[in-house]
Every structure is written in structure tokens, then in C-alpha cells.
Amino acid sequence: METAPSPIQRVVAHWPEVPTFDNEEDEAAYWSQTRIDPRLMNTAILKADTRESTTVTLRFDPRMLARIKRLARSRYLNYQSMVKQWLSERLEKEI
């Protein structure tokens, strides 16, 4: 015969109220009797960055940058676009 779930006894209204657990069993027991206040959950939702891109600053050795620009020109590319493409390709390879 199955037992009914324990009634919720605690409501977490602030993240620091959530303790650190020694093991998964302790965490499961805690969350079986605890719920998170919906307002706290709303603060945890990541807001999407609506910008299409973000500007970053990188410092290159002038000779390296000159080589990158020459290579990009030989491929009829903007050097920033080429570097972005390289980073994207490497990121996919790393993942």
C-alpha cells in the first residue's frame, strides 16, 4: 500500500534558506517537505539577452593581428567575422 506524500511544511522565500546537503537522500527528504515561493522562482529565470551580439575586447600582438587581417583579406572576409567563425568552429569541436 502506497503512503500519501508528506504535506509541504516549509516554503523557501530566499535562496540562502536552502541548506547544503551531505547526500542525495537528505536533499530528497528536504525537498519532499519544502517548496519554493513562486516569486523566488521568477527571480531565478534567466532573462534572454535580446541583443544579437555582445561586444568584447581582445588584445592581440600587432604582428599576429596583421597576419589575421592578411589571411582574411585573401579570403575576402572581414577579419572580425573570420575570427568569430574560428571561435564558433572551435567551440563546436570542444563541445
C-alpha atoms as a PDB file:
ATOM      1  CA  MET A   1       0.000   0.000   0.000  1.00  0.00           C
ATOM      2  CA  GLU A   2       1.414   3.380  -1.013  1.00  0.00           C
ATOM      3  CA  THR A   3       1.705   6.146   1.533  1.00  0.00           C
ATOM      4  CA  ALA A   4       0.466   9.640   0.796  1.00  0.00           C
ATOM      5  CA  PRO A   5       3.178  12.226   0.200  1.00  0.00           C
ATOM      6  CA  SER A   6       4.084  14.373   3.175  1.00  0.00           C
ATOM      7  CA  PRO A   7       2.361  17.735   3.258  1.00  0.00           C
ATOM      8  CA  ILE A   8       4.504  20.735   2.425  1.00  0.00           C
ATOM      9  CA  GLN A   9       5.728  22.167   5.697  1.00  0.00           C
ATOM     10  CA  ARG A  10       8.244  24.792   4.533  1.00  0.00           C
ATOM     11  CA  VAL A  11       8.335  27.484   1.873  1.00  0.00           C
ATOM     12  CA  VAL A  12      11.696  28.863   0.762  1.00  0.00           C
ATOM     13  CA  ALA A  13      11.412  32.602   0.158  1.00  0.00           C
ATOM     14  CA  HIS A  14      15.155  33.386  -0.136  1.00  0.00           C
ATOM     15  CA  TRP A  15      17.937  31.286  -1.709  1.00  0.00           C
ATOM     16  CA  PRO A  16      20.198  31.431   1.395  1.00  0.00           C
ATOM     17  CA  GLU A  17      17.496  29.469   3.255  1.00  0.00           C
ATOM     18  CA  VAL A  18      18.310  26.369   1.196  1.00  0.00           C
ATOM     19  CA  PRO A  19      20.842  24.322   3.159  1.00  0.00           C
ATOM     20  CA  THR A  20      23.850  22.461   1.827  1.00  0.00           C
ATOM     21  CA  PHE A  21      23.187  18.734   1.767  1.00  0.00           C
ATOM     22  CA  ASP A  22      25.569  15.921   2.674  1.00  0.00           C
ATOM     23  CA  ASN A  23      23.936  13.445   0.303  1.00  0.00           C
ATOM     24  CA  GLU A  24      21.056  12.987  -2.127  1.00  0.00           C
ATOM     25  CA  GLU A  25      18.864  11.272   0.448  1.00  0.00           C
ATOM     26  CA  ASP A  26      18.993  14.309   2.755  1.00  0.00           C
ATOM     27  CA  GLU A  27      18.242  16.595  -0.169  1.00  0.00           C
ATOM     28  CA  ALA A  28      15.304  14.435  -1.299  1.00  0.00           C
ATOM     29  CA  ALA A  29      13.879  14.426   2.225  1.00  0.00           C
ATOM     30  CA  TYR A  30      14.200  18.216   2.437  1.00  0.00           C
ATOM     31  CA  TRP A  31      12.508  18.873  -0.904  1.00  0.00           C
ATOM     32  CA  SER A  32       9.724  16.380  -0.172  1.00  0.00           C
ATOM     33  CA  GLN A  33       8.590  18.748   2.577  1.00  0.00           C
ATOM     34  CA  THR A  34       9.657  22.062   1.073  1.00  0.00           C
ATOM     35  CA  ARG A  35       8.542  24.167  -1.856  1.00  0.00           C
ATOM     36  CA  ILE A  36       9.966  27.325  -3.399  1.00  0.00           C
ATOM     37  CA  ASP A  37       7.935  30.524  -3.306  1.00  0.00           C
ATOM     38  CA  PRO A  38       6.858  31.291  -6.906  1.00  0.00           C
ATOM     39  CA  ARG A  39       8.230  34.838  -6.601  1.00  0.00           C
ATOM     40  CA  LEU A  40      11.657  33.388  -5.849  1.00  0.00           C
ATOM     41  CA  MET A  41      11.396  31.127  -8.882  1.00  0.00           C
ATOM     42  CA  ASN A  42      10.652  34.149 -11.067  1.00  0.00           C
ATOM     43  CA  THR A  43      13.916  35.757  -9.948  1.00  0.00           C
ATOM     44  CA  ALA A  44      15.813  32.615 -10.967  1.00  0.00           C
ATOM     45  CA  ILE A  45      14.598  32.597 -14.557  1.00  0.00           C
ATOM     46  CA  LEU A  46      17.331  33.795 -16.857  1.00  0.00           C
ATOM     47  CA  LYS A  47      16.230  36.675 -18.978  1.00  0.00           C
ATOM     48  CA  ALA A  48      17.228  36.171 -22.585  1.00  0.00           C
ATOM     49  CA  ASP A  49      19.732  38.632 -23.953  1.00  0.00           C
ATOM     50  CA  THR A  50      17.756  40.348 -26.685  1.00  0.00           C
ATOM     51  CA  ARG A  51      20.843  41.791 -28.348  1.00  0.00           C
ATOM     52  CA  GLU A  52      22.030  39.988 -31.455  1.00  0.00           C
ATOM     53  CA  SER A  53      25.634  40.193 -30.321  1.00  0.00           C
ATOM     54  CA  THR A  54      27.790  41.447 -27.491  1.00  0.00           C
ATOM     55  CA  THR A  55      30.938  43.478 -27.973  1.00  0.00           C
ATOM     56  CA  VAL A  56      34.141  42.092 -26.467  1.00  0.00           C
ATOM     57  CA  THR A  57      37.661  43.447 -26.461  1.00  0.00           C
ATOM     58  CA  LEU A  58      40.670  41.240 -27.200  1.00  0.00           C
ATOM     59  CA  ARG A  59      44.293  42.286 -27.241  1.00  0.00           C
ATOM     60  CA  PHE A  60      46.451  40.810 -29.994  1.00  0.00           C
ATOM     61  CA  ASP A  61      50.124  41.077 -30.711  1.00  0.00           C
ATOM     62  CA  PRO A  62      50.258  43.559 -33.656  1.00  0.00           C
ATOM     63  CA  ARG A  63      52.089  41.071 -35.875  1.00  0.00           C
ATOM     64  CA  MET A  64      49.502  38.363 -35.181  1.00  0.00           C
ATOM     65  CA  LEU A  65      46.664  40.759 -35.953  1.00  0.00           C
ATOM     66  CA  ALA A  66      48.360  41.800 -39.198  1.00  0.00           C
ATOM     67  CA  ARG A  67      48.647  38.117 -40.209  1.00  0.00           C
ATOM     68  CA  ILE A  68      44.976  37.528 -39.360  1.00  0.00           C
ATOM     69  CA  LYS A  69      43.936  40.553 -41.418  1.00  0.00           C
ATOM     70  CA  ARG A  70      46.059  39.437 -44.396  1.00  0.00           C
ATOM     71  CA  LEU A  71      44.567  35.942 -44.228  1.00  0.00           C
ATOM     72  CA  ALA A  72      41.030  37.350 -44.008  1.00  0.00           C
ATOM     73  CA  ARG A  73      41.660  39.672 -46.980  1.00  0.00           C
ATOM     74  CA  SER A  74      42.925  36.748 -49.050  1.00  0.00           C
ATOM     75  CA  ARG A  75      39.602  35.012 -48.340  1.00  0.00           C
ATOM     76  CA  TYR A  76      37.587  38.183 -48.998  1.00  0.00           C
ATOM     77  CA  LEU A  77      36.371  38.215 -45.395  1.00  0.00           C
ATOM     78  CA  ASN A  78      36.199  40.813 -42.682  1.00  0.00           C
ATOM     79  CA  TYR A  79      38.825  39.761 -40.118  1.00  0.00           C
ATOM     80  CA  GLN A  80      36.393  40.055 -37.188  1.00  0.00           C
ATOM     81  CA  SER A  81      33.946  37.740 -38.948  1.00  0.00           C
ATOM     82  CA  MET A  82      36.695  35.262 -39.675  1.00  0.00           C
ATOM     83  CA  VAL A  83      37.853  35.230 -36.034  1.00  0.00           C
ATOM     84  CA  LYS A  84      34.239  34.798 -34.900  1.00  0.00           C
ATOM     85  CA  GLN A  85      33.873  31.877 -37.315  1.00  0.00           C
ATOM     86  CA  TRP A  86      37.067  30.294 -35.969  1.00  0.00           C
ATOM     87  CA  LEU A  87      35.826  30.629 -32.394  1.00  0.00           C
ATOM     88  CA  SER A  88      32.461  29.138 -33.312  1.00  0.00           C
ATOM     89  CA  GLU A  89      34.105  26.169 -35.048  1.00  0.00           C
ATOM     90  CA  ARG A  90      36.436  25.563 -32.110  1.00  0.00           C
ATOM     91  CA  LEU A  91      33.594  25.804 -29.613  1.00  0.00           C
ATOM     92  CA  GLU A  92      31.637  23.138 -31.517  1.00  0.00           C
ATOM     93  CA  LYS A  93      34.748  20.949 -31.593  1.00  0.00           C
ATOM     94  CA  GLU A  94      35.260  21.362 -27.826  1.00  0.00           C
ATOM     95  CA  ILE A  95      31.629  20.552 -27.035  1.00  0.00           C
END
